[in-house]
Protein backbone atom coordinates (compact mmCIF):
# COMPACT_ATOMS: atom_id res chain seq x y z
CA MET A 1 0.37 -0.08 0.03
CA LEU A 2 1.54 3.23 -0.87
CA SER A 3 1.49 5.20 1.98
CA LEU A 4 3.15 8.69 3.67
CA TYR A 5 3.87 10.02 6.88
CA ILE A 6 3.30 13.58 8.11
CA ARG A 7 4.27 14.53 11.13
CA ILE A 8 1.91 16.74 13.30
CA SER A 9 2.38 19.91 15.82
CA SER A 10 2.75 17.12 18.84
CA GLY A 11 5.46 15.18 17.27
CA VAL A 12 3.72 12.39 17.13
CA ILE A 13 3.92 10.36 13.52
CA LYS A 14 0.21 9.29 11.93
CA GLN A 15 0.31 6.79 8.97
CA MET A 16 -2.14 7.66 6.33
CA ASP A 17 -3.05 6.02 3.30
CA ILE A 18 -2.63 8.26 0.47
CA ASN A 19 -5.71 7.21 -1.62
CA LYS A 20 -8.24 8.36 1.47
CA HIS A 21 -6.80 11.61 2.26
CA ILE A 22 -9.38 14.75 2.78
CA ALA A 23 -7.98 17.68 1.41
CA LEU A 24 -9.09 21.35 3.23
CA ASN A 25 -11.71 23.05 1.49
CA ASP A 26 -12.36 26.37 2.80
CA SER A 27 -14.20 29.02 0.91
CA TYR A 28 -15.32 32.72 1.10
CA LYS A 29 -18.86 33.54 1.35
CA ASN A 30 -19.16 34.20 -2.65
CA GLY A 31 -17.93 30.63 -2.86
CA LYS A 32 -14.15 31.26 -4.23
CA LYS A 33 -11.48 28.75 -2.93
CA LYS A 34 -9.34 30.39 -0.36
CA PRO A 35 -5.65 30.39 -1.25
CA TRP A 36 -4.68 28.22 1.67
CA ARG A 37 -2.29 26.09 -0.52
CA LEU A 38 -1.19 28.50 -2.67
CA ARG A 39 0.08 30.66 0.35
CA LYS A 40 1.62 27.91 1.89
CA LYS A 41 3.72 27.01 -0.83
CA GLN A 42 5.12 30.11 -1.19
CA SER A 43 5.54 30.31 2.41
CA ASN A 44 7.88 27.66 2.01
CA GLN A 45 9.89 29.31 -1.44
CA LEU A 46 10.52 32.24 0.95
CA ALA A 47 11.67 29.93 4.20
CA ASN A 48 14.37 28.16 1.22
CA SER A 49 15.64 31.55 0.30
CA TYR A 50 16.20 33.24 3.99
CA LYS A 51 17.75 29.54 5.00
CA ARG A 52 20.07 30.66 1.81
CA ILE A 53 20.89 33.84 2.72
CA GLY A 54 21.39 33.16 6.35
CA GLU A 55 18.58 34.18 7.96
CA ILE A 56 17.89 30.74 9.61
CA ASN A 57 15.97 31.83 12.41
CA LYS A 58 13.39 33.17 9.74
CA SER A 59 13.65 30.78 7.99
CA LEU A 60 12.49 28.01 10.49
CA ARG A 61 9.45 30.45 11.34
CA VAL A 62 8.21 30.65 7.73
CA GLY A 63 9.08 27.21 6.83
CA SER A 64 6.62 26.35 9.95
CA CYS A 65 3.96 28.82 9.48
CA GLY A 66 0.56 27.86 9.29
CA ASN A 67 1.22 23.80 9.22
CA VAL A 68 -1.37 23.03 11.43
CA LEU A 69 -5.01 24.58 11.26
CA LEU A 70 -7.60 24.07 13.20
CA PHE A 71 -10.99 24.84 12.51
CA GLN A 72 -14.74 24.50 13.82
CA GLU A 73 -17.31 23.31 11.35
CA CYS A 74 -21.07 22.97 10.98
CA PRO A 75 -21.96 19.44 10.02
CA ASP A 76 -24.41 20.46 7.45
CA GLY A 77 -21.91 22.97 5.55
CA HIS A 78 -23.59 26.14 7.26
CA GLN A 79 -20.43 27.88 9.46
CA LYS A 80 -17.11 27.42 8.70
CA GLN A 81 -13.94 29.17 10.71
CA LEU A 82 -10.22 28.85 11.71
CA VAL A 83 -9.97 28.92 15.44
CA ARG A 84 -6.21 28.24 16.14
CA ALA A 85 -3.28 27.98 14.33
CA PHE A 86 0.64 29.59 14.56
CA PHE A 87 1.62 32.02 12.10
CA CYS A 88 4.98 33.32 11.97
CA LYS A 89 4.22 36.91 11.22
CA VAL A 90 7.31 37.78 9.60
CA ARG A 91 6.72 40.64 7.38
CA LEU A 92 7.47 39.30 4.21
CA CYS A 93 5.59 35.69 4.40
CA PRO A 94 2.91 35.07 2.22
CA MET A 95 0.66 33.41 4.51
CA CYS A 96 0.77 36.43 7.18
CA ALA A 97 0.50 38.90 4.24
CA TRP A 98 -2.70 37.12 3.28
CA ARG A 99 -4.12 37.01 6.87
CA ARG A 100 -3.39 40.20 7.67
CA SER A 101 -4.80 41.92 4.47
CA LEU A 102 -8.01 40.32 5.24
CA LYS A 103 -8.16 41.46 8.63
CA ILE A 104 -7.42 44.97 8.04
CA VAL A 105 -10.11 44.91 5.36
CA GLN A 106 -12.50 43.70 8.35
CA GLN A 107 -11.29 46.50 10.60
CA LEU A 108 -11.50 49.05 7.96
CA LYS A 109 -14.82 48.24 6.87
CA SER A 110 -16.22 48.66 10.73
CA MET A 111 -14.19 51.81 10.95
CA THR A 112 -15.42 53.58 7.95
CA HIS A 113 -19.21 52.49 8.96
CA ILE A 114 -18.78 53.46 12.19
CA VAL A 115 -17.33 57.62 10.74
CA ASN A 116 -20.32 57.44 8.32
CA GLN A 117 -23.08 56.66 11.20
CA SER A 118 -21.87 60.13 12.60
CA HIS A 119 -20.12 62.33 9.98
CA SER A 120 -21.55 63.66 6.72
CA LEU A 121 -18.06 62.76 4.01
CA LYS A 122 -17.10 61.75 0.56
CA TRP A 123 -14.35 59.08 0.22
CA VAL A 124 -11.12 60.06 -2.05
CA PHE A 125 -8.56 57.29 -2.99
CA LEU A 126 -5.15 58.60 -3.45
CA THR A 127 -1.74 56.96 -4.58
CA LEU A 128 1.39 59.00 -3.77
CA THR A 129 4.96 58.01 -5.86
CA VAL A 130 8.42 58.02 -5.99
CA LYS A 131 10.85 57.56 -8.77
CA ASN A 132 12.49 53.44 -9.09
CA VAL A 133 15.11 52.83 -6.65
CA SER A 134 17.64 50.08 -6.18
CA GLY A 135 17.55 47.82 -3.54
CA PRO A 136 20.19 49.45 -1.01
CA GLU A 137 18.07 52.51 -1.42
CA LEU A 138 15.07 51.11 -0.37
CA ASP A 139 15.42 51.57 3.17
CA GLU A 140 16.09 55.05 3.02
CA THR A 141 13.55 55.71 0.29
CA ILE A 142 10.89 54.36 2.48
CA ARG A 143 11.67 56.50 5.44
CA HIS A 144 12.01 59.53 3.75
CA MET A 145 8.42 58.52 2.13
CA PHE A 146 6.70 58.25 5.58
CA GLN A 147 8.06 61.53 6.52
CA SER A 148 7.27 63.34 4.26
CA TRP A 149 3.61 61.83 4.10
CA GLN A 150 4.01 63.47 7.54
CA ARG A 151 4.78 67.07 6.09
CA LEU A 152 2.34 66.85 3.81
CA SER A 153 -0.74 65.78 6.47
CA GLN A 154 0.32 68.78 8.32
CA ARG A 155 0.01 71.40 5.78
CA LYS A 156 -3.30 73.45 5.94
CA VAL A 157 -4.86 72.42 2.74
CA PHE A 158 -4.77 69.20 4.20
CA LYS A 159 -6.46 69.59 7.51
CA ASP A 160 -8.99 71.98 5.84
CA ASN A 161 -10.44 69.36 3.89
CA VAL A 162 -9.55 65.54 5.35
CA LYS A 163 -11.29 64.60 8.47
CA GLY A 164 -9.62 61.22 8.44
CA TRP A 165 -7.32 59.14 6.42
CA PHE A 166 -5.87 55.54 6.59
CA ARG A 167 -2.27 55.05 4.39
CA ALA A 168 -0.63 51.58 3.55
CA LEU A 169 2.63 50.97 2.00
CA GLU A 170 3.08 49.07 -0.88
CA VAL A 171 6.48 48.02 -2.85
CA THR A 172 6.81 46.25 -6.21
CA ARG A 173 9.69 45.26 -7.96
CA SER A 174 10.28 45.54 -11.83
CA ASN A 175 11.68 42.46 -13.41
CA SER A 176 13.08 44.41 -16.35
CA ASP A 177 15.99 46.08 -14.24
CA GLY A 178 15.03 44.80 -10.53
CA SER A 179 14.53 48.27 -9.37
CA TYR A 180 12.01 48.77 -6.37
CA HIS A 181 8.73 51.09 -6.68
CA PRO A 182 7.74 52.17 -3.24
CA HIS A 183 4.38 54.00 -2.85
CA ILE A 184 1.91 54.70 -0.57
CA HIS A 185 -1.94 54.42 -0.79
CA VAL A 186 -4.33 56.78 1.08
CA LEU A 187 -8.09 56.40 1.47
CA LEU A 188 -8.80 60.35 2.41
CA ALA A 189 -12.45 61.13 4.30
CA VAL A 190 -13.31 64.91 3.07
CA THR A 191 -15.76 67.25 3.90
CA ALA A 192 -19.19 66.47 2.56
CA GLY A 193 -18.65 69.71 0.17
CA TYR A 194 -15.23 69.41 -0.81
CA PHE A 195 -16.12 68.27 -4.41
CA ALA A 196 -18.31 71.33 -4.83
CA GLY A 197 -16.82 74.07 -2.72
CA LYS A 198 -13.54 76.24 -3.22
CA ASN A 199 -11.38 74.11 -1.45
CA TYR A 200 -11.15 71.44 -3.90
CA VAL A 201 -7.75 70.37 -4.14
CA ARG A 202 -7.38 68.94 -8.40
CA LYS A 203 -5.06 66.72 -9.14
CA GLU A 204 -1.79 69.12 -10.29
CA LYS A 205 -2.10 70.65 -7.00
CA TRP A 206 -1.73 67.26 -5.25
CA ARG A 207 1.19 66.73 -7.25
CA VAL A 208 2.70 69.85 -6.10
CA LEU A 209 1.70 69.53 -2.46
CA TRP A 210 3.38 65.81 -2.55
CA GLN A 211 6.66 67.17 -4.43
CA GLU A 212 7.32 70.02 -1.96
CA ALA A 213 6.47 67.22 1.35
CA LEU A 214 9.07 64.89 -0.66
CA ARG A 215 11.69 68.08 -1.32
CA SER A 216 12.21 66.72 -4.08
CA ASP A 217 13.86 68.09 -7.64
CA TYR A 218 11.52 66.09 -9.87
CA MET A 219 7.28 66.62 -10.03
CA PRO A 220 6.02 62.78 -8.80
CA VAL A 221 3.26 60.97 -10.20
CA VAL A 222 0.36 61.38 -8.14
CA ASP A 223 -3.29 59.47 -8.85
CA ILE A 224 -6.51 60.83 -7.31
CA ARG A 225 -9.72 59.04 -7.39
CA LYS A 226 -13.29 60.33 -5.96
CA VAL A 227 -14.70 56.71 -4.89
CA LYS A 228 -17.68 56.84 -7.10
CA VAL A 229 -20.78 55.00 -6.64
CA LYS A 230 -22.00 52.86 -10.12
CA ARG A 231 -25.30 53.41 -10.17
CA ASN A 232 -27.65 50.04 -11.73
CA PRO A 233 -30.16 52.09 -13.92
CA ASN A 234 -32.76 49.46 -14.10
CA GLN A 235 -33.17 50.14 -10.31
CA GLU A 236 -34.38 52.97 -8.27
CA ALA A 237 -31.34 55.54 -7.17
CA GLU A 238 -32.86 56.15 -3.98
CA THR A 239 -33.57 52.27 -3.06
CA LEU A 240 -30.25 51.25 -3.27
CA LYS A 241 -27.99 54.51 -2.74
CA SER A 242 -26.58 53.66 0.68
CA GLU A 243 -25.94 50.08 -0.65
CA GLU A 244 -24.03 51.12 -3.84
CA GLN A 245 -21.92 53.37 -1.94
CA LYS A 246 -21.31 50.96 0.69
CA ARG A 247 -19.96 48.74 -2.20
CA ALA A 248 -18.50 51.70 -3.59
CA LEU A 249 -16.11 52.62 -0.60
CA GLU A 250 -15.21 48.67 -0.22
CA ALA A 251 -13.67 48.25 -3.55
CA ALA A 252 -11.57 51.14 -2.28
CA ILE A 253 -11.04 49.62 0.81
CA LEU A 254 -9.61 46.46 -0.71
CA GLU A 255 -7.10 48.43 -2.99
CA THR A 256 -5.82 50.24 -0.14
CA ALA A 257 -5.61 47.47 2.12
CA LYS A 258 -3.81 45.05 0.01
CA TYR A 259 -0.48 43.35 0.55
CA PRO A 260 2.54 45.49 1.04
CA VAL A 261 4.88 43.07 -0.78
CA LYS A 262 3.34 40.50 -3.00
CA PRO A 263 5.79 37.27 -3.51
CA ALA A 264 6.40 38.45 -7.33
CA SER A 265 8.19 41.53 -6.06
CA TYR A 266 10.40 38.95 -4.89
CA ALA A 267 10.03 35.75 -6.19
CA VAL A 268 12.22 36.08 -9.31
CA PRO A 269 11.50 32.46 -11.82
CA GLY A 270 14.58 30.52 -12.37
CA ASN A 271 16.92 32.65 -10.81
CA ARG A 272 17.60 31.74 -7.05
CA GLN A 273 20.44 34.51 -6.79
CA GLY A 274 17.98 37.37 -7.78
CA THR A 275 15.06 36.33 -5.38
CA ASP A 276 17.51 35.77 -2.65
CA ASP A 277 18.64 39.86 -3.10
CA ALA A 278 15.10 40.56 -3.35
CA VAL A 279 14.25 39.23 -0.49
CA ARG A 280 17.44 40.55 1.32
CA HIS A 281 16.57 44.06 0.39
CA LEU A 282 12.84 43.95 1.27
CA ASP A 283 13.20 42.39 4.86
CA ARG A 284 15.91 44.86 5.86
CA ALA A 285 13.84 47.98 4.20
CA LEU A 286 10.75 47.00 5.66
CA ARG A 287 11.94 46.10 9.63
CA GLY A 288 10.62 48.37 11.67
CA LYS A 289 8.31 49.92 9.48
CA ARG A 290 4.70 51.21 10.32
CA MET A 291 3.15 49.55 7.08
CA ILE A 292 -0.33 50.96 7.95
CA ALA A 293 -1.45 54.19 9.95
CA PHE A 294 -4.73 56.06 10.60
CA GLY A 295 -5.70 59.45 11.11
CA GLY A 296 -8.43 61.97 12.30
CA VAL A 297 -11.69 60.14 12.48
CA LEU A 298 -10.59 57.30 11.33
CA LYS A 299 -8.03 56.90 14.12
CA GLN A 300 -10.47 57.78 16.79
CA ALA A 301 -12.59 54.93 15.07
CA GLN A 302 -9.86 52.53 15.32
CA GLN A 303 -9.74 53.12 18.81
CA LYS A 304 -13.10 52.61 19.18
CA TRP A 305 -12.96 49.34 17.12
CA ASN A 306 -9.96 48.00 19.37
CA ASN A 307 -11.95 48.87 22.86
CA GLU A 308 -14.74 46.41 21.40
CA ASN A 309 -12.76 43.90 20.05
CA ASN A 310 -10.28 43.83 22.94
CA GLY A 311 -7.21 45.35 21.22
CA GLU A 312 -7.01 42.38 19.00
CA ALA A 313 -6.79 44.71 15.75
CA GLU A 314 -4.63 42.14 13.45
CA THR A 315 -5.77 38.93 14.99
CA LEU A 316 -4.66 36.11 12.47
CA THR A 317 -7.50 33.58 12.73
CA ASP A 318 -11.39 33.89 12.07
CA GLY A 319 -12.99 33.03 15.20
CA GLU A 320 -13.09 35.56 17.81
CA LYS A 321 -13.88 32.73 20.30
CA LYS A 322 -15.37 28.90 20.02
CA GLU A 323 -19.07 28.51 19.05
CA CYS A 324 -20.93 25.57 20.65
CA GLN A 325 -23.60 25.76 17.73
CA CYS A 326 -23.87 26.87 14.35
CA ALA A 327 -25.24 29.96 14.14
CA THR A 328 -27.68 28.96 11.23
CA CYS A 329 -29.19 25.95 11.97
CA GLY A 330 -27.86 25.31 16.15
CA SER A 331 -25.97 22.30 15.30
CA ASN A 332 -22.83 21.15 16.95
CA MET A 333 -19.69 22.43 15.78
CA LEU A 334 -17.12 19.95 15.07
CA GLU A 335 -13.80 20.35 15.30
CA HIS A 336 -10.95 19.39 11.92
CA LEU A 337 -7.57 19.40 11.96
CA TYR A 338 -5.52 19.71 9.06
CA THR A 339 -1.90 20.04 8.82
CA TRP A 340 0.41 20.39 5.80
CA ASN A 341 1.72 17.58 4.07
CA ILE A 342 4.69 17.89 1.84
CA GLY A 343 4.79 14.81 -0.07
CA LEU A 344 0.87 15.76 -1.33
CA SER A 345 1.70 19.34 -1.39
CA ASN A 346 -1.85 20.34 0.51
CA TYR A 347 -3.36 20.59 3.47
CA ILE A 348 -4.80 17.21 4.64
CA GLU A 349 -6.97 16.28 7.41
CA HIS A 350 -6.81 13.73 10.15
CA GLU A 351 -8.32 12.82 13.44
CA HIS A 352 -7.30 14.05 16.95
């Protein structure tokens, strides 16, 4: 009989028939399958790179990230949530970046709802860039960008129009010349009369403001977009107005809170040296950096959200607590343990 062995977290060896394994099947509410397998494979690739560049501790942490996942599941399939797992929290780890992004999106949705309930606001999506830089320049460039953002946010024209903001850093890498492109995504909560009033700031003005904040000798590229509501002509606008606005804002949130560094930014296909150089530069540049930040009414909402959620703003599991019964049908929730199997390159279930 063809069989293979897996080591579970307790150190026990369990034999499993390869023809009888049950792979993890976990999906979002829209039915799309969650990328557990892909993220774990990417994390293993990163762990190998860390090992090659001598970062043994990080290699071990990333390599063990998400090896064991404990889920609670409704026997009738109504509900499924992760309730326990180990995640390494290494900044570049694809598994952790994905999980953290999900939590930031969840948090930001809650906070924008809070401020929309108490303030009359419009929303703007702003992207601030600099010229591409080399790997050795990346660390100092990111520091300079954060200092420049601080200067920009203190300008009178900014304070007069922006009532709250959320900013996040993203770094991409050019495959053509190996240069890095750090840029800042910002979700701005502006006054209700911003677009119609005399204080409206046009794109070219934002470019000038950002150049002055950067103290650069070139005009940087800036993109700014109103968070627009897409109307459905077949339905009454008044009926769906609030729902459409909510969906438009959520789309902007997803764009703002995406991964700071995607695996494609450091994984150079067929080039281990290129991959290792990218990992070395990105790891150094992102170390100790505050990748996301809040200001104004969104910072106040963040504090309220943290108080209501016991400060667990970046928890990396779905379940805030274990539920005994399914919220839909009342059935007793069952625990299912999945472990990463190297031979199958997948998560498989075992009895525990």
